[in-house]
PDB file of N, CA and C in Angstrom:
ATOM      1  N   MET A   1     256.307 277.941  95.996  1.00  0.00           N
ATOM      2  CA  MET A   1     257.382 277.893  95.023  1.00  0.00           C
ATOM      3  C   MET A   1     258.720 277.736  95.750  1.00  0.00           C
ATOM      4  N   PRO A   2     259.535 276.846  95.272  1.00  0.00           N
ATOM      5  CA  PRO A   2     260.831 276.657  95.916  1.00  0.00           C
ATOM      6  C   PRO A   2     261.854 277.716  95.486  1.00  0.00           C
ATOM      7  N   TYR A   3     262.663 278.099  96.419  1.00  0.00           N
ATOM      8  CA  TYR A   3     263.771 279.032  96.186  1.00  0.00           C
ATOM      9  C   TYR A   3     265.047 278.350  96.658  1.00  0.00           C
ATOM     10  N   ASP A   4     265.536 277.417  95.861  1.00  0.00           N
ATOM     11  CA  ASP A   4     266.737 276.688  96.243  1.00  0.00           C
ATOM     12  C   ASP A   4     267.315 275.977  95.024  1.00  0.00           C
ATOM     13  N   PRO A   5     268.493 275.351  95.174  1.00  0.00           N
ATOM     14  CA  PRO A   5     269.105 274.670  94.030  1.00  0.00           C
ATOM     15  C   PRO A   5     268.130 273.696  93.366  1.00  0.00           C
ATOM     16  N   GLY A   6     268.064 273.777  92.056  1.00  0.00           N
ATOM     17  CA  GLY A   6     267.163 272.944  91.281  1.00  0.00           C
ATOM     18  C   GLY A   6     265.860 273.640  90.925  1.00  0.00           C
ATOM     19  N   ALA A   7     265.567 274.768  91.576  1.00  0.00           N
ATOM     20  CA  ALA A   7     264.334 275.501  91.299  1.00  0.00           C
ATOM     21  C   ALA A   7     264.428 276.195  89.942  1.00  0.00           C
ATOM     22  N   LYS A   8     263.279 276.265  89.283  1.00  0.00           N
ATOM     23  CA  LYS A   8     263.205 276.918  87.976  1.00  0.00           C
ATOM     24  C   LYS A   8     261.919 277.727  87.895  1.00  0.00           C
ATOM     25  N   GLY A   9     261.987 278.848  87.200  1.00  0.00           N
ATOM     26  CA  GLY A   9     260.789 279.634  86.962  1.00  0.00           C
ATOM     27  C   GLY A   9     261.032 281.122  87.047  1.00  0.00           C
ATOM     28  N   GLY A  10     260.029 281.850  86.689  1.00  0.00           N
ATOM     29  CA  GLY A  10     260.097 283.302  86.713  1.00  0.00           C
ATOM     30  C   GLY A  10     260.346 283.861  88.102  1.00  0.00           C
ATOM     31  N   HIS A  11     259.926 283.133  89.137  1.00  0.00           N
ATOM     32  CA  HIS A  11     260.156 283.598  90.504  1.00  0.00           C
ATOM     33  C   HIS A  11     261.644 283.622  90.846  1.00  0.00           C
ATOM     34  N   ILE A  12     262.433 282.774  90.203  1.00  0.00           N
ATOM     35  CA  ILE A  12     263.884 282.783  90.427  1.00  0.00           C
ATOM     36  C   ILE A  12     264.505 284.009  89.758  1.00  0.00           C
ATOM     37  N   THR A  13     264.046 284.327  88.567  1.00  0.00           N
ATOM     38  CA  THR A  13     264.518 285.548  87.895  1.00  0.00           C
ATOM     39  C   THR A  13     264.138 286.775  88.721  1.00  0.00           C
ATOM     40  N   ALA A  14     262.908 286.801  89.232  1.00  0.00           N
ATOM     41  CA  ALA A  14     262.452 287.934  90.038  1.00  0.00           C
ATOM     42  C   ALA A  14     263.290 288.064  91.309  1.00  0.00           C
ATOM     43  N   LEU A  15     263.600 286.949  91.952  1.00  0.00           N
ATOM     44  CA  LEU A  15     264.450 286.979  93.138  1.00  0.00           C
ATOM     45  C   LEU A  15     265.811 287.578  92.785  1.00  0.00           C
ATOM     46  N   GLY A  16     266.392 287.134  91.690  1.00  0.00           N
ATOM     47  CA  GLY A  16     267.682 287.653  91.260  1.00  0.00           C
ATOM     48  C   GLY A  16     267.651 289.148  91.009  1.00  0.00           C
ATOM     49  N   ARG A  17     266.593 289.626  90.405  1.00  0.00           N
ATOM     50  CA  ARG A  17     266.473 291.066  90.140  1.00  0.00           C
ATOM     51  C   ARG A  17     266.391 291.856  91.445  1.00  0.00           C
ATOM     52  N   MET A  18     265.677 291.295  92.428  1.00  0.00           N
ATOM     53  CA  MET A  18     265.603 291.968  93.724  1.00  0.00           C
ATOM     54  C   MET A  18     266.973 291.994  94.399  1.00  0.00           C
ATOM     55  N   LEU A  19     267.716 290.904  94.284  1.00  0.00           N
ATOM     56  CA  LEU A  19     269.056 290.858  94.880  1.00  0.00           C
ATOM     57  C   LEU A  19     269.995 291.850  94.206  1.00  0.00           C
ATOM     58  N   VAL A  20     269.880 292.001  92.903  1.00  0.00           N
ATOM     59  CA  VAL A  20     270.667 293.005  92.182  1.00  0.00           C
ATOM     60  C   VAL A  20     270.298 294.402  92.691  1.00  0.00           C
ATOM     61  N   ALA A  21     268.992 294.666  92.810  1.00  0.00           N
ATOM     62  CA  ALA A  21     268.537 295.972  93.288  1.00  0.00           C
ATOM     63  C   ALA A  21     269.010 296.242  94.717  1.00  0.00           C
ATOM     64  N   ALA A  22     269.177 295.180  95.503  1.00  0.00           N
ATOM     65  CA  ALA A  22     269.638 295.316  96.883  1.00  0.00           C
ATOM     66  C   ALA A  22     271.152 295.502  96.962  1.00  0.00           C
ATOM     67  N   GLY A  23     271.831 295.441  95.818  1.00  0.00           N
ATOM     68  CA  GLY A  23     273.281 295.606  95.791  1.00  0.00           C
ATOM     69  C   GLY A  23     274.028 294.353  96.199  1.00  0.00           C
ATOM     70  N   CYS A  24     273.415 293.210  95.984  1.00  0.00           N
ATOM     71  CA  CYS A  24     274.007 291.941  96.443  1.00  0.00           C
ATOM     72  C   CYS A  24     274.242 290.962  95.296  1.00  0.00           C
ATOM     73  N   SER A  25     274.525 291.457  94.134  1.00  0.00           N
ATOM     74  CA  SER A  25     274.693 290.598  92.968  1.00  0.00           C
ATOM     75  C   SER A  25     276.025 289.866  92.947  1.00  0.00           C
ATOM     76  N   ALA A  26     275.943 288.583  92.642  1.00  0.00           N
ATOM     77  CA  ALA A  26     277.132 287.770  92.358  1.00  0.00           C
ATOM     78  C   ALA A  26     277.003 287.201  90.942  1.00  0.00           C
ATOM     79  N   TYR A  27     276.120 287.816  90.152  1.00  0.00           N
ATOM     80  CA  TYR A  27     275.844 287.328  88.798  1.00  0.00           C
ATOM     81  C   TYR A  27     276.884 287.837  87.818  1.00  0.00           C
ATOM     82  N   LYS A  28     277.313 286.959  86.931  1.00  0.00           N
ATOM     83  CA  LYS A  28     278.216 287.352  85.852  1.00  0.00           C
ATOM     84  C   LYS A  28     277.436 287.622  84.581  1.00  0.00           C
ATOM     85  N   GLU A  29     276.286 286.956  84.430  1.00  0.00           N
ATOM     86  CA  GLU A  29     275.468 287.125  83.233  1.00  0.00           C
ATOM     87  C   GLU A  29     274.066 287.622  83.554  1.00  0.00           C
ATOM     88  N   GLY A  30     273.796 287.929  84.781  1.00  0.00           N
ATOM     89  CA  GLY A  30     272.475 288.380  85.173  1.00  0.00           C
ATOM     90  C   GLY A  30     271.605 287.229  85.639  1.00  0.00           C
ATOM     91  N   PRO A  31     270.576 287.542  86.413  1.00  0.00           N
ATOM     92  CA  PRO A  31     269.704 286.498  86.928  1.00  0.00           C
ATOM     93  C   PRO A  31     268.878 285.853  85.821  1.00  0.00           C
ATOM     94  N   GLY A  32     268.603 284.585  86.009  1.00  0.00           N
ATOM     95  CA  GLY A  32     267.805 283.848  85.040  1.00  0.00           C
ATOM     96  C   GLY A  32     266.829 282.928  85.734  1.00  0.00           C
ATOM     97  N   PRO A  33     266.088 282.136  84.978  1.00  0.00           N
ATOM     98  CA  PRO A  33     265.014 281.334  85.548  1.00  0.00           C
ATOM     99  C   PRO A  33     265.455 280.023  86.212  1.00  0.00           C
ATOM    100  N   VAL A  34     266.745 279.701  86.188  1.00  0.00           N
ATOM    101  CA  VAL A  34     267.229 278.473  86.812  1.00  0.00           C
ATOM    102  C   VAL A  34     268.172 278.842  87.953  1.00  0.00           C
ATOM    103  N   TRP A  35     267.921 278.300  89.145  1.00  0.00           N
ATOM    104  CA  TRP A  35     268.757 278.580  90.312  1.00  0.00           C
ATOM    105  C   TRP A  35     270.171 278.083  90.054  1.00  0.00           C
ATOM    106  N   THR A  36     271.141 278.960  90.257  1.00  0.00           N
ATOM    107  CA  THR A  36     272.555 278.601  90.087  1.00  0.00           C
ATOM    108  C   THR A  36     273.317 278.975  91.354  1.00  0.00           C
ATOM    109  N   SER A  37     274.600 278.693  91.356  1.00  0.00           N
ATOM    110  CA  SER A  37     275.430 279.073  92.497  1.00  0.00           C
ATOM    111  C   SER A  37     275.470 280.594  92.660  1.00  0.00           C
ATOM    112  N   ALA A  38     275.277 281.338  91.572  1.00  0.00           N
ATOM    113  CA  ALA A  38     275.242 282.801  91.668  1.00  0.00           C
ATOM    114  C   ALA A  38     274.024 283.261  92.472  1.00  0.00           C
ATOM    115  N   ASP A  39     272.915 282.535  92.362  1.00  0.00           N
ATOM    116  CA  ASP A  39     271.737 282.875  93.174  1.00  0.00           C
ATOM    117  C   ASP A  39     272.036 282.632  94.649  1.00  0.00           C
ATOM    118  N   SER A  40     272.658 281.506  94.950  1.00  0.00           N
ATOM    119  CA  SER A  40     273.009 281.202  96.341  1.00  0.00           C
ATOM    120  C   SER A  40     273.970 282.241  96.899  1.00  0.00           C
ATOM    121  N   GLU A  41     274.980 282.600  96.126  1.00  0.00           N
ATOM    122  CA  GLU A  41     275.963 283.572  96.598  1.00  0.00           C
ATOM    123  C   GLU A  41     275.339 284.962  96.745  1.00  0.00           C
ATOM    124  N   SER A  42     274.480 285.346  95.821  1.00  0.00           N
ATOM    125  CA  SER A  42     273.802 286.644  95.920  1.00  0.00           C
ATOM    126  C   SER A  42     272.909 286.678  97.150  1.00  0.00           C
ATOM    127  N   MET A  43     272.182 285.594  97.390  1.00  0.00           N
ATOM    128  CA  MET A  43     271.314 285.531  98.564  1.00  0.00           C
ATOM    129  C   MET A  43     272.140 285.567  99.835  1.00  0.00           C
ATOM    130  N   ARG A  44     273.266 284.866  99.862  1.00  0.00           N
ATOM    131  CA  ARG A  44     274.146 284.885 101.025  1.00  0.00           C
ATOM    132  C   ARG A  44     274.640 286.307 101.302  1.00  0.00           C
ATOM    133  N   LYS A  45     274.993 287.029 100.233  1.00  0.00           N
ATOM    134  CA  LYS A  45     275.423 288.426 100.397  1.00  0.00           C
ATOM    135  C   LYS A  45     274.312 289.263 101.014  1.00  0.00           C
ATOM    136  N   TYR A  46     273.081 289.043 100.564  1.00  0.00           N
ATOM    137  CA  TYR A  46     271.946 289.784 101.117  1.00  0.00           C
ATOM    138  C   TYR A  46     271.747 289.426 102.593  1.00  0.00           C
ATOM    139  N   GLN A  47     271.809 288.143 102.900  1.00  0.00           N
ATOM    140  CA  GLN A  47     271.615 287.710 104.275  1.00  0.00           C
ATOM    141  C   GLN A  47     272.646 288.356 105.206  1.00  0.00           C
ATOM    142  N   ILE A  48     273.870 288.396 104.773  1.00  0.00           N
ATOM    143  CA  ILE A  48     274.922 289.023 105.575  1.00  0.00           C
ATOM    144  C   ILE A  48     274.681 290.526 105.683  1.00  0.00           C
ATOM    145  N   LYS A  49     274.258 291.136 104.594  1.00  0.00           N
ATOM    146  CA  LYS A  49     273.992 292.584 104.576  1.00  0.00           C
ATOM    147  C   LYS A  49     272.931 292.969 105.601  1.00  0.00           C
ATOM    148  N   VAL A  50     271.918 292.112 105.783  1.00  0.00           N
ATOM    149  CA  VAL A  50     270.852 292.440 106.732  1.00  0.00           C
ATOM    150  C   VAL A  50     271.157 291.925 108.139  1.00  0.00           C
ATOM    151  N   GLY A  51     272.369 291.382 108.341  1.00  0.00           N
ATOM    152  CA  GLY A  51     272.797 291.010 109.670  1.00  0.00           C
ATOM    153  C   GLY A  51     272.653 289.550 110.045  1.00  0.00           C
ATOM    154  N   ASP A  52     272.254 288.708 109.116  1.00  0.00           N
ATOM    155  CA  ASP A  52     272.154 287.283 109.421  1.00  0.00           C
ATOM    156  C   ASP A  52     273.550 286.677 109.475  1.00  0.00           C
ATOM    157  N   GLN A  53     273.692 285.647 110.294  1.00  0.00           N
ATOM    158  CA  GLN A  53     274.986 284.994 110.470  1.00  0.00           C
ATOM    159  C   GLN A  53     274.803 283.486 110.544  1.00  0.00           C
ATOM    160  N   GLY A  54     275.905 282.763 110.469  1.00  0.00           N
ATOM    161  CA  GLY A  54     275.881 281.313 110.620  1.00  0.00           C
ATOM    162  C   GLY A  54     274.932 280.629 109.658  1.00  0.00           C
ATOM    163  N   SER A  55     274.129 279.715 110.174  1.00  0.00           N
ATOM    164  CA  SER A  55     273.221 278.955 109.321  1.00  0.00           C
ATOM    165  C   SER A  55     272.111 279.825 108.732  1.00  0.00           C
ATOM    166  N   ALA A  56     271.890 281.011 109.295  1.00  0.00           N
ATOM    167  CA  ALA A  56     270.889 281.931 108.739  1.00  0.00           C
ATOM    168  C   ALA A  56     271.396 282.626 107.483  1.00  0.00           C
ATOM    169  N   ALA A  57     272.703 282.503 107.205  1.00  0.00           N
ATOM    170  CA  ALA A  57     273.309 283.105 106.014  1.00  0.00           C
ATOM    171  C   ALA A  57     273.851 281.994 105.123  1.00  0.00           C
ATOM    172  N   ASP A  58     272.969 281.069 104.763  1.00  0.00           N
ATOM    173  CA  ASP A  58     273.381 279.897 103.985  1.00  0.00           C
ATOM    174  C   ASP A  58     273.140 280.020 102.489  1.00  0.00           C
ATOM    175  N   GLY A  59     272.585 281.155 102.054  1.00  0.00           N
ATOM    176  CA  GLY A  59     272.345 281.357 100.631  1.00  0.00           C
ATOM    177  C   GLY A  59     270.983 280.871 100.153  1.00  0.00           C
ATOM    178  N   ILE A  60     270.199 280.311 101.058  1.00  0.00           N
ATOM    179  CA  ILE A  60     268.839 279.863 100.731  1.00  0.00           C
ATOM    180  C   ILE A  60     267.888 280.755 101.525  1.00  0.00           C
ATOM    181  N   PRO A  61     266.958 281.439 100.847  1.00  0.00           N
ATOM    182  CA  PRO A  61     266.103 282.367 101.571  1.00  0.00           C
ATOM    183  C   PRO A  61     265.092 281.663 102.467  1.00  0.00           C
ATOM    184  N   GLY A  62     265.063 282.096 103.717  1.00  0.00           N
ATOM    185  CA  GLY A  62     264.014 281.669 104.631  1.00  0.00           C
ATOM    186  C   GLY A  62     262.777 282.515 104.379  1.00  0.00           C
ATOM    187  N   LYS A  63     261.674 282.120 104.963  1.00  0.00           N
ATOM    188  CA  LYS A  63     260.407 282.819 104.753  1.00  0.00           C
ATOM    189  C   LYS A  63     260.499 284.296 105.134  1.00  0.00           C
ATOM    190  N   LEU A  64     261.090 284.601 106.285  1.00  0.00           N
ATOM    191  CA  LEU A  64     261.195 285.994 106.726  1.00  0.00           C
ATOM    192  C   LEU A  64     262.182 286.786 105.872  1.00  0.00           C
ATOM    193  N   GLN A  65     263.280 286.152 105.483  1.00  0.00           N
ATOM    194  CA  GLN A  65     264.267 286.821 104.624  1.00  0.00           C
ATOM    195  C   GLN A  65     263.651 287.159 103.274  1.00  0.00           C
ATOM    196  N   LEU A  66     262.906 286.220 102.721  1.00  0.00           N
ATOM    197  CA  LEU A  66     262.264 286.440 101.426  1.00  0.00           C
ATOM    198  C   LEU A  66     261.223 287.554 101.519  1.00  0.00           C
ATOM    199  N   ALA A  67     260.446 287.556 102.591  1.00  0.00           N
ATOM    200  CA  ALA A  67     259.442 288.611 102.779  1.00  0.00           C
ATOM    201  C   ALA A  67     260.107 289.979 102.896  1.00  0.00           C
ATOM    202  N   ARG A  68     261.209 290.049 103.631  1.00  0.00           N
ATOM    203  CA  ARG A  68     261.930 291.322 103.783  1.00  0.00           C
ATOM    204  C   ARG A  68     262.482 291.800 102.451  1.00  0.00           C
ATOM    205  N   LEU A  69     263.053 290.889 101.683  1.00  0.00           N
ATOM    206  CA  LEU A  69     263.589 291.240 100.370  1.00  0.00           C
ATOM    207  C   LEU A  69     262.475 291.744  99.455  1.00  0.00           C
ATOM    208  N   LYS A  70     261.353 291.068  99.459  1.00  0.00           N
ATOM    209  CA  LYS A  70     260.218 291.487  98.625  1.00  0.00           C
ATOM    210  C   LYS A  70     259.682 292.837  99.041  1.00  0.00           C
ATOM    211  N   ARG A  71     259.594 293.075 100.359  1.00  0.00           N
ATOM    212  CA  ARG A  71     259.119 294.386 100.838  1.00  0.00           C
ATOM    213  C   ARG A  71     260.028 295.510 100.388  1.00  0.00           C
ATOM    214  N   GLY A  72     261.321 295.275 100.485  1.00  0.00           N
ATOM    215  CA  GLY A  72     262.276 296.332 100.153  1.00  0.00           C
ATOM    216  C   GLY A  72     262.552 296.503  98.678  1.00  0.00           C
ATOM    217  N   PHE A  73     262.487 295.400  97.922  1.00  0.00           N
ATOM    218  CA  PHE A  73     262.929 295.461  96.538  1.00  0.00           C
ATOM    219  C   PHE A  73     261.982 294.770  95.556  1.00  0.00           C
ATOM    220  N   GLY A  74     260.811 294.384  95.992  1.00  0.00           N
ATOM    221  CA  GLY A  74     259.858 293.673  95.137  1.00  0.00           C
ATOM    222  C   GLY A  74     259.449 294.431  93.901  1.00  0.00           C
ATOM    223  N   ARG A  75     259.415 295.723  93.993  1.00  0.00           N
ATOM    224  CA  ARG A  75     259.053 296.517  92.811  1.00  0.00           C
ATOM    225  C   ARG A  75     260.117 296.466  91.730  1.00  0.00           C
ATOM    226  N   SER A  76     261.316 295.971  92.101  1.00  0.00           N
ATOM    227  CA  SER A  76     262.416 295.855  91.147  1.00  0.00           C
ATOM    228  C   SER A  76     262.313 294.584  90.308  1.00  0.00           C
ATOM    229  N   ALA A  77     261.480 293.651  90.746  1.00  0.00           N
ATOM    230  CA  ALA A  77     261.390 292.340  90.096  1.00  0.00           C
ATOM    231  C   ALA A  77     260.634 292.402  88.781  1.00  0.00           C
TER     232      ALA A  77
END
């Protein structure tokens, strides 16, 4: 499943809920099933929070970043 601009589905809503639970929300209306700039900004906030920098903090979750988010906040989704 893709996690990037243009992606749609319940997995995007679940990602947003995990980012909210992680304290990294940039949502004005809450996470939804279509990837928006708020998803990118929320993900970027999470990446910075866990110490990622530069191209690793681009707002698009890498495989390891996504796994870490799911481990820590997956039950929130």
